[in-house]
Amino acid sequence: MRISDRRLILVMAGVIVIAAVAVVLLSPRPPGANAQQKAESDWKPVEEALGKSGQVMPGDVFRVAMPRTDLKVKVQGVDVKAGFALGSYAAFKKMGKDAMVMGDLVLLDEEVKDVMAALASKGLAITALHNHLNEMSPHVMYMHYGGHGDAVQLASAIREALSKSGTPLGQPPAAAAPASGGPEIDQKQVEGALGRSGRVNNGILQVGVARAEKITENGMELLPAMGVNTAINFQPTGDGKAAITGDFVLIGREVNPVLKALREHGIQVTALHNHALGDNPRLFYMHFWANDDAVKLARGLKAGLGLTNSKK
């Protein structure tokens, strides 16, 4: 091969490489990637004000989890994990230039008064205060709240209120090595008996079931990530057993049929109440508890779900 021919081949190869690099650099990002990044960046000031990172959920709901990892709580002798029954949260949704927020705070009895006063002083509404479970040690209450206004100001108000409690905020501690050898349940069997799939989060199988109808409050649609979906949690307790808790989201005519179905399957109903003040249709939240064979309990929960207008 002549030198001139070799130089021509090298030049052509270089052009091909440059063109390939240009294609990679100029190719469009995967669909939705830019929008997702923008959505996350839009909420950065809220994260900074609240002192906790969050996640953009379906429907552009920005949800911040604030589990009470500082508490050591037993329910009927079971040590419950924070992600099982001690999950405070704030869910934000943009409304034009402003935002609405709603959520739930897990509080010790002695924290309730000061947190409530702090929220009210900043214009946030208290929409419910109640138990979710029975025979808790120490006793824990759940405070539901809502507000509308500047998102950063709302986040700052929530953080100020939570400073009256032991709720951990700020940067999380370094993650501990995952525990091994703990009790487990057969996720596939449980999901098959329940007829729904879920996800495992820190050893807890979590299942969410949205209602089929549109839910609104003051003309604003309330989405599942804002707390208006049935939540079911399984915490393994050994030998194929699990403690279960969560809440069914029900309309009035569903309450007693679901209550009957759960009790017939050995599942205790531990609380029944509202979480909001102006929801449409009017919703009732039925909390439950049991500690038994996980597959058996899943069948009981399925019987309850079958009596609700839930998405399939």
Foldseek 3Di string as FASTA:
>chain_A
DDPVVVVVVVVVVVVVVVVVVVCVVPPDDPPPPVVLVVLLVVCVLLCVLQQFHWHQDPPRKTKTKQFQQVDFKDAPRRGDHRVAAGIWMKIWDDDVQKIKIKIKHKAQPVLVPQLVVLCVVLPKAWFDKAAQAPRMVVGIIMIIIMDMGHSSSNSNSNNVSCVSGPGDGHDDDDDDDQDPDDFAADQVLLCVLLVFAADADSQKTKTWWAFDDFKDFPRHTDDVVNPQTWIKIWHGDHPQKTKIKTKHKAADVLVPVLCVLLVVLVKAFGDKAANGDGMPPGIIITMIIDIGRSSSNSNSNSSSVVSHRIDD
